[in-house]
Amino acid sequence: MSRSLASICRLGLLTIVVALLGCGGDDIPLGYVEGTVTLDGKPVEGAIVTFVPTENEGTTASGRTDADGHYLLMFTFRREGAMLGTNDVLIDYNAYDESLPPNKQRPNLFPAQYGRPGALTADVQSGRQTIDFELESTN
């Protein structure tokens, strides 16, 4: 009995994985977005840049900055870009601290307003575009 239950669970898990892989949103028009994030004029490595569509209930796109502060937005694991139109932009940078347990909230090293909807926006258009964010640690 437990053997058949395990088989059913495996089949269910496989079905979910296949369904998720098939839901890539390949028919949604996107704009290719990349750029640089700086804080007080210096590139920021490891920041998470998230674009959240404001005009509809669309899917978010996000990317992580590299050592040069460069990011590339990913809509899905397979598709680069973000939904067209106005997007709220959220930028978070939480320092990794091995001494903290995994479920403990790490401090955001950016001023809080950059992680709130409406503080930063970007207009994503069809085609390739560069959208840079030059952030300041004080207002």
N, C-alpha and C. Protein backbone atom coordinates (compact mmCIF):
# COMPACT_ATOMS: atom_id res chain seq x y z
N MET A 1 0.82 -1.19 0.00
CA MET A 1 0.00 0.00 0.00
C MET A 1 0.86 1.26 0.00
N SER A 2 1.89 1.30 0.83
CA SER A 2 2.74 2.48 0.88
C SER A 2 3.52 2.65 -0.41
N ARG A 3 3.80 1.53 -1.10
CA ARG A 3 4.52 1.61 -2.36
C ARG A 3 3.67 2.29 -3.43
N SER A 4 2.39 1.98 -3.48
CA SER A 4 1.52 2.62 -4.47
C SER A 4 1.29 4.09 -4.11
N LEU A 5 1.23 4.41 -2.84
CA LEU A 5 1.09 5.80 -2.41
C LEU A 5 2.31 6.61 -2.83
N ALA A 6 3.48 6.02 -2.68
CA ALA A 6 4.71 6.70 -3.10
C ALA A 6 4.71 6.92 -4.61
N SER A 7 4.23 5.94 -5.37
CA SER A 7 4.15 6.09 -6.82
C SER A 7 3.18 7.19 -7.22
N ILE A 8 2.06 7.26 -6.53
CA ILE A 8 1.08 8.31 -6.81
C ILE A 8 1.68 9.69 -6.50
N CYS A 9 2.39 9.79 -5.39
CA CYS A 9 3.03 11.06 -5.02
C CYS A 9 4.06 11.48 -6.06
N ARG A 10 4.86 10.52 -6.52
CA ARG A 10 5.87 10.82 -7.54
C ARG A 10 5.20 11.27 -8.84
N LEU A 11 4.13 10.60 -9.23
CA LEU A 11 3.41 10.96 -10.44
C LEU A 11 2.81 12.37 -10.30
N GLY A 12 2.25 12.66 -9.14
CA GLY A 12 1.69 13.99 -8.90
C GLY A 12 2.76 15.07 -8.97
N LEU A 13 3.91 14.81 -8.36
CA LEU A 13 5.01 15.76 -8.39
C LEU A 13 5.51 15.98 -9.82
N LEU A 14 5.63 14.90 -10.58
CA LEU A 14 6.06 15.00 -11.97
C LEU A 14 5.07 15.83 -12.78
N THR A 15 3.79 15.62 -12.55
CA THR A 15 2.75 16.38 -13.25
C THR A 15 2.87 17.87 -12.96
N ILE A 16 3.10 18.20 -11.71
CA ILE A 16 3.24 19.61 -11.32
C ILE A 16 4.47 20.23 -11.99
N VAL A 17 5.58 19.52 -11.98
CA VAL A 17 6.81 20.04 -12.60
C VAL A 17 6.61 20.27 -14.09
N VAL A 18 6.00 19.31 -14.77
CA VAL A 18 5.76 19.45 -16.21
C VAL A 18 4.82 20.62 -16.48
N ALA A 19 3.79 20.77 -15.66
CA ALA A 19 2.84 21.88 -15.83
C ALA A 19 3.54 23.22 -15.64
N LEU A 20 4.39 23.32 -14.64
CA LEU A 20 5.10 24.58 -14.39
C LEU A 20 6.06 24.91 -15.53
N LEU A 21 6.74 23.90 -16.05
CA LEU A 21 7.65 24.14 -17.16
C LEU A 21 6.89 24.57 -18.40
N GLY A 22 5.68 24.09 -18.54
CA GLY A 22 4.87 24.43 -19.70
C GLY A 22 4.23 25.80 -19.60
N CYS A 23 4.22 26.41 -18.43
CA CYS A 23 3.58 27.71 -18.22
C CYS A 23 4.60 28.82 -18.30
N GLY A 24 5.29 28.91 -19.40
CA GLY A 24 6.36 29.88 -19.52
C GLY A 24 5.94 31.24 -19.99
N GLY A 25 4.67 31.42 -20.36
CA GLY A 25 4.23 32.71 -20.85
C GLY A 25 4.90 33.10 -22.15
N ASP A 26 5.11 32.13 -23.05
CA ASP A 26 5.83 32.39 -24.29
C ASP A 26 5.09 33.35 -25.22
N ASP A 27 3.78 33.52 -25.03
CA ASP A 27 3.01 34.38 -25.91
C ASP A 27 2.90 35.81 -25.40
N ILE A 28 3.45 36.11 -24.25
CA ILE A 28 3.37 37.45 -23.67
C ILE A 28 4.48 38.32 -24.24
N PRO A 29 4.14 39.49 -24.81
CA PRO A 29 5.19 40.38 -25.34
C PRO A 29 6.00 41.01 -24.21
N LEU A 30 7.31 40.99 -24.37
CA LEU A 30 8.21 41.50 -23.34
C LEU A 30 9.17 42.52 -23.94
N GLY A 31 9.72 43.34 -23.08
CA GLY A 31 10.82 44.22 -23.44
C GLY A 31 12.08 43.70 -22.76
N TYR A 32 13.17 43.65 -23.49
CA TYR A 32 14.46 43.21 -22.95
C TYR A 32 15.01 44.36 -22.11
N VAL A 33 15.25 44.11 -20.83
CA VAL A 33 15.70 45.18 -19.93
C VAL A 33 16.97 44.75 -19.20
N GLU A 34 17.96 45.62 -19.27
CA GLU A 34 19.17 45.45 -18.48
C GLU A 34 19.59 46.84 -18.01
N GLY A 35 20.51 46.87 -17.07
CA GLY A 35 20.97 48.16 -16.58
C GLY A 35 21.96 47.99 -15.45
N THR A 36 22.21 49.08 -14.76
CA THR A 36 23.17 49.10 -13.67
C THR A 36 22.53 49.75 -12.45
N VAL A 37 22.86 49.21 -11.28
CA VAL A 37 22.41 49.79 -10.01
C VAL A 37 23.64 50.31 -9.28
N THR A 38 23.58 51.59 -8.92
CA THR A 38 24.66 52.18 -8.11
C THR A 38 24.05 52.79 -6.86
N LEU A 39 24.83 52.82 -5.81
CA LEU A 39 24.44 53.48 -4.57
C LEU A 39 25.56 54.46 -4.23
N ASP A 40 25.21 55.73 -4.18
CA ASP A 40 26.19 56.80 -3.95
C ASP A 40 27.33 56.73 -4.95
N GLY A 41 26.97 56.41 -6.20
CA GLY A 41 27.95 56.39 -7.29
C GLY A 41 28.76 55.12 -7.42
N LYS A 42 28.56 54.14 -6.55
CA LYS A 42 29.34 52.90 -6.60
C LYS A 42 28.44 51.74 -7.01
N PRO A 43 28.93 50.84 -7.89
CA PRO A 43 28.12 49.70 -8.29
C PRO A 43 27.81 48.80 -7.10
N VAL A 44 26.61 48.23 -7.12
CA VAL A 44 26.16 47.37 -6.03
C VAL A 44 26.08 45.94 -6.54
N GLU A 45 26.81 45.05 -5.89
CA GLU A 45 26.78 43.62 -6.24
C GLU A 45 25.78 42.90 -5.34
N GLY A 46 24.96 42.03 -5.95
CA GLY A 46 24.06 41.19 -5.18
C GLY A 46 22.70 41.78 -4.87
N ALA A 47 22.36 42.92 -5.46
CA ALA A 47 21.03 43.50 -5.26
C ALA A 47 20.02 42.76 -6.13
N ILE A 48 18.80 42.63 -5.64
CA ILE A 48 17.71 42.03 -6.40
C ILE A 48 16.85 43.16 -6.96
N VAL A 49 16.74 43.20 -8.28
CA VAL A 49 15.93 44.21 -8.97
C VAL A 49 14.67 43.51 -9.47
N THR A 50 13.50 43.99 -9.04
CA THR A 50 12.23 43.37 -9.42
C THR A 50 11.33 44.41 -10.07
N PHE A 51 10.81 44.07 -11.25
CA PHE A 51 9.84 44.92 -11.95
C PHE A 51 8.46 44.30 -11.75
N VAL A 52 7.51 45.10 -11.24
CA VAL A 52 6.15 44.65 -10.97
C VAL A 52 5.20 45.48 -11.82
N PRO A 53 4.50 44.86 -12.79
CA PRO A 53 3.58 45.63 -13.64
C PRO A 53 2.52 46.35 -12.81
N THR A 54 2.28 47.64 -13.11
CA THR A 54 1.29 48.41 -12.36
C THR A 54 -0.05 48.48 -13.09
N GLU A 55 -0.07 48.25 -14.39
CA GLU A 55 -1.29 48.43 -15.18
C GLU A 55 -2.17 47.19 -15.22
N ASN A 56 -1.67 46.06 -14.81
CA ASN A 56 -2.47 44.84 -14.80
C ASN A 56 -1.88 43.89 -13.77
N GLU A 57 -2.46 42.73 -13.67
CA GLU A 57 -1.96 41.75 -12.71
C GLU A 57 -0.96 40.82 -13.38
N GLY A 58 0.03 41.38 -14.01
CA GLY A 58 1.00 40.60 -14.75
C GLY A 58 2.05 39.97 -13.86
N THR A 59 2.91 39.23 -14.50
CA THR A 59 3.99 38.52 -13.83
C THR A 59 5.18 39.44 -13.62
N THR A 60 5.82 39.32 -12.47
CA THR A 60 7.00 40.12 -12.19
C THR A 60 8.20 39.56 -12.94
N ALA A 61 9.21 40.39 -13.09
CA ALA A 61 10.49 39.98 -13.65
C ALA A 61 11.57 40.45 -12.68
N SER A 62 12.65 39.69 -12.58
CA SER A 62 13.69 40.09 -11.64
C SER A 62 15.07 39.67 -12.13
N GLY A 63 16.07 40.28 -11.53
CA GLY A 63 17.45 39.95 -11.82
C GLY A 63 18.32 40.34 -10.65
N ARG A 64 19.52 39.78 -10.60
CA ARG A 64 20.48 40.07 -9.53
C ARG A 64 21.67 40.78 -10.15
N THR A 65 22.16 41.80 -9.45
CA THR A 65 23.30 42.56 -9.95
C THR A 65 24.60 41.79 -9.75
N ASP A 66 25.52 41.98 -10.71
CA ASP A 66 26.84 41.36 -10.60
C ASP A 66 27.82 42.34 -9.95
N ALA A 67 29.10 42.03 -10.00
CA ALA A 67 30.12 42.85 -9.34
C ALA A 67 30.18 44.27 -9.91
N ASP A 68 29.75 44.45 -11.16
CA ASP A 68 29.74 45.77 -11.78
C ASP A 68 28.41 46.50 -11.59
N GLY A 69 27.49 45.89 -10.82
CA GLY A 69 26.18 46.49 -10.62
C GLY A 69 25.21 46.21 -11.76
N HIS A 70 25.61 45.41 -12.74
CA HIS A 70 24.79 45.12 -13.92
C HIS A 70 23.74 44.06 -13.60
N TYR A 71 22.53 44.28 -14.11
CA TYR A 71 21.46 43.29 -13.98
C TYR A 71 20.82 43.04 -15.34
N LEU A 72 20.19 41.89 -15.48
CA LEU A 72 19.41 41.51 -16.65
C LEU A 72 18.12 40.91 -16.12
N LEU A 73 16.97 41.45 -16.53
CA LEU A 73 15.70 40.94 -16.02
C LEU A 73 15.32 39.64 -16.69
N MET A 74 14.83 38.71 -15.87
CA MET A 74 14.33 37.42 -16.35
C MET A 74 12.85 37.34 -16.02
N PHE A 75 12.04 37.05 -17.04
CA PHE A 75 10.60 36.90 -16.87
C PHE A 75 10.27 35.49 -16.37
N THR A 76 10.95 34.51 -16.94
CA THR A 76 10.90 33.12 -16.48
C THR A 76 12.32 32.60 -16.51
N PHE A 77 12.50 31.35 -16.16
CA PHE A 77 13.84 30.77 -16.21
C PHE A 77 14.39 30.76 -17.62
N ARG A 78 13.49 30.74 -18.61
CA ARG A 78 13.91 30.63 -20.00
C ARG A 78 13.78 31.92 -20.80
N ARG A 79 13.07 32.93 -20.28
CA ARG A 79 12.80 34.14 -21.06
C ARG A 79 13.33 35.39 -20.38
N GLU A 80 14.12 36.14 -21.13
CA GLU A 80 14.63 37.41 -20.64
C GLU A 80 13.60 38.50 -20.90
N GLY A 81 13.52 39.47 -20.00
CA GLY A 81 12.67 40.62 -20.24
C GLY A 81 11.67 40.87 -19.13
N ALA A 82 10.82 41.89 -19.37
CA ALA A 82 9.77 42.28 -18.43
C ALA A 82 8.53 42.65 -19.23
N MET A 83 7.37 42.62 -18.55
CA MET A 83 6.12 42.97 -19.23
C MET A 83 6.15 44.43 -19.64
N LEU A 84 5.53 44.71 -20.79
CA LEU A 84 5.48 46.06 -21.32
C LEU A 84 4.60 46.95 -20.47
N GLY A 85 4.93 48.24 -20.43
CA GLY A 85 4.14 49.21 -19.69
C GLY A 85 4.87 49.69 -18.45
N THR A 86 4.13 50.41 -17.61
CA THR A 86 4.71 50.97 -16.39
C THR A 86 4.87 49.87 -15.35
N ASN A 87 6.04 49.85 -14.72
CA ASN A 87 6.35 48.88 -13.68
C ASN A 87 6.84 49.60 -12.44
N ASP A 88 6.36 49.16 -11.27
CA ASP A 88 7.01 49.56 -10.03
C ASP A 88 8.32 48.80 -9.96
N VAL A 89 9.37 49.45 -9.50
CA VAL A 89 10.67 48.80 -9.39
C VAL A 89 11.03 48.71 -7.92
N LEU A 90 11.31 47.50 -7.47
CA LEU A 90 11.74 47.26 -6.10
C LEU A 90 13.19 46.81 -6.14
N ILE A 91 14.03 47.40 -5.32
CA ILE A 91 15.43 47.01 -5.25
C ILE A 91 15.76 46.71 -3.81
N ASP A 92 16.16 45.47 -3.57
CA ASP A 92 16.50 45.02 -2.23
C ASP A 92 17.93 44.51 -2.22
N TYR A 93 18.59 44.74 -1.12
CA TYR A 93 19.97 44.27 -0.97
C TYR A 93 20.14 43.82 0.47
N ASN A 94 20.02 42.54 0.68
CA ASN A 94 20.18 41.98 2.02
C ASN A 94 21.53 41.29 2.10
N ALA A 95 22.34 41.71 3.02
CA ALA A 95 23.66 41.10 3.20
C ALA A 95 23.50 39.69 3.72
N TYR A 96 24.28 38.78 3.20
CA TYR A 96 24.26 37.41 3.68
C TYR A 96 25.13 37.32 4.92
N ASP A 97 24.57 36.74 5.95
CA ASP A 97 25.29 36.59 7.22
C ASP A 97 25.17 35.14 7.66
N GLU A 98 26.27 34.40 7.58
CA GLU A 98 26.25 32.98 7.93
C GLU A 98 25.91 32.73 9.39
N SER A 99 26.09 33.72 10.24
CA SER A 99 25.82 33.52 11.66
C SER A 99 24.32 33.55 11.97
N LEU A 100 23.51 34.06 11.04
CA LEU A 100 22.07 34.12 11.25
C LEU A 100 21.40 32.85 10.74
N PRO A 101 20.36 32.38 11.41
CA PRO A 101 19.63 31.22 10.90
C PRO A 101 18.96 31.57 9.57
N PRO A 102 18.73 30.57 8.70
CA PRO A 102 18.18 30.84 7.37
C PRO A 102 16.83 31.57 7.37
N ASN A 103 16.01 31.36 8.39
CA ASN A 103 14.69 31.98 8.41
C ASN A 103 14.69 33.37 9.06
N LYS A 104 15.82 33.85 9.48
CA LYS A 104 15.92 35.17 10.13
C LYS A 104 16.03 36.25 9.05
N GLN A 105 15.24 37.30 9.20
CA GLN A 105 15.27 38.41 8.24
C GLN A 105 16.61 39.14 8.33
N ARG A 106 17.27 39.28 7.21
CA ARG A 106 18.52 40.01 7.17
C ARG A 106 18.23 41.49 6.91
N PRO A 107 19.06 42.36 7.42
CA PRO A 107 18.79 43.79 7.23
C PRO A 107 18.97 44.20 5.77
N ASN A 108 18.10 45.09 5.30
CA ASN A 108 18.23 45.63 3.95
C ASN A 108 19.24 46.77 4.02
N LEU A 109 20.28 46.69 3.23
CA LEU A 109 21.34 47.70 3.27
C LEU A 109 21.00 48.96 2.48
N PHE A 110 19.90 48.93 1.72
CA PHE A 110 19.44 50.11 1.01
C PHE A 110 18.45 50.87 1.88
N PRO A 111 18.29 52.16 1.64
CA PRO A 111 17.19 52.87 2.30
C PRO A 111 15.86 52.18 1.98
N ALA A 112 14.98 52.13 2.95
CA ALA A 112 13.74 51.35 2.84
C ALA A 112 12.87 51.75 1.66
N GLN A 113 12.89 53.02 1.25
CA GLN A 113 11.98 53.44 0.19
C GLN A 113 12.23 52.71 -1.13
N TYR A 114 13.43 52.22 -1.37
CA TYR A 114 13.71 51.54 -2.63
C TYR A 114 13.09 50.16 -2.71
N GLY A 115 12.60 49.65 -1.59
CA GLY A 115 11.93 48.35 -1.58
C GLY A 115 10.42 48.47 -1.52
N ARG A 116 9.88 49.69 -1.68
CA ARG A 116 8.44 49.92 -1.61
C ARG A 116 7.88 50.23 -2.99
N PRO A 117 6.69 49.69 -3.30
CA PRO A 117 6.05 50.03 -4.58
C PRO A 117 5.81 51.53 -4.68
N GLY A 118 6.04 52.07 -5.87
CA GLY A 118 5.79 53.48 -6.13
C GLY A 118 6.99 54.39 -5.95
N ALA A 119 8.00 53.96 -5.23
CA ALA A 119 9.18 54.80 -5.03
C ALA A 119 9.99 54.94 -6.31
N LEU A 120 10.13 53.84 -7.03
CA LEU A 120 10.82 53.84 -8.32
C LEU A 120 9.89 53.22 -9.35
N THR A 121 9.85 53.79 -10.55
CA THR A 121 9.07 53.21 -11.63
C THR A 121 9.91 53.20 -12.90
N ALA A 122 9.51 52.35 -13.82
CA ALA A 122 10.18 52.28 -15.11
C ALA A 122 9.14 51.96 -16.17
N ASP A 123 9.29 52.54 -17.34
CA ASP A 123 8.39 52.28 -18.45
C ASP A 123 9.08 51.31 -19.40
N VAL A 124 8.59 50.09 -19.46
CA VAL A 124 9.19 49.06 -20.31
C VAL A 124 8.52 49.10 -21.68
N GLN A 125 9.34 49.19 -22.71
CA GLN A 125 8.85 49.23 -24.08
C GLN A 125 9.38 48.03 -24.84
N SER A 126 8.78 47.77 -25.98
CA SER A 126 9.21 46.67 -26.83
C SER A 126 10.65 46.90 -27.29
N GLY A 127 11.40 45.85 -27.44
CA GLY A 127 12.79 45.95 -27.88
C GLY A 127 13.76 45.96 -26.72
N ARG A 128 15.00 46.34 -27.02
CA ARG A 128 16.07 46.36 -26.01
C ARG A 128 16.16 47.74 -25.38
N GLN A 129 16.38 47.76 -24.07
CA GLN A 129 16.57 49.04 -23.39
C GLN A 129 17.43 48.88 -22.16
N THR A 130 18.11 49.96 -21.83
CA THR A 130 18.93 50.02 -20.64
C THR A 130 18.26 50.96 -19.65
N ILE A 131 18.01 50.44 -18.44
CA ILE A 131 17.40 51.25 -17.39
C ILE A 131 18.32 51.20 -16.18
N ASP A 132 19.01 52.31 -15.92
CA ASP A 132 19.94 52.39 -14.80
C ASP A 132 19.25 53.02 -13.59
N PHE A 133 19.71 52.63 -12.42
CA PHE A 133 19.20 53.20 -11.17
C PHE A 133 20.38 53.74 -10.37
N GLU A 134 20.43 55.07 -10.26
CA GLU A 134 21.47 55.74 -9.49
C GLU A 134 20.86 56.14 -8.16
N LEU A 135 21.05 55.31 -7.15
CA LEU A 135 20.41 55.49 -5.85
C LEU A 135 21.31 56.26 -4.90
N GLU A 136 20.68 56.94 -3.96
CA GLU A 136 21.39 57.70 -2.93
C GLU A 136 21.05 57.12 -1.57
N SER A 137 22.02 57.06 -0.67
CA SER A 137 21.76 56.50 0.66
C SER A 137 21.01 57.47 1.55
N THR A 138 20.98 58.76 1.20
CA THR A 138 20.20 59.75 1.96
C THR A 138 19.32 60.51 0.99
N ASN A 139 18.21 61.01 1.51
CA ASN A 139 17.29 61.76 0.65
C ASN A 139 17.66 63.21 0.61
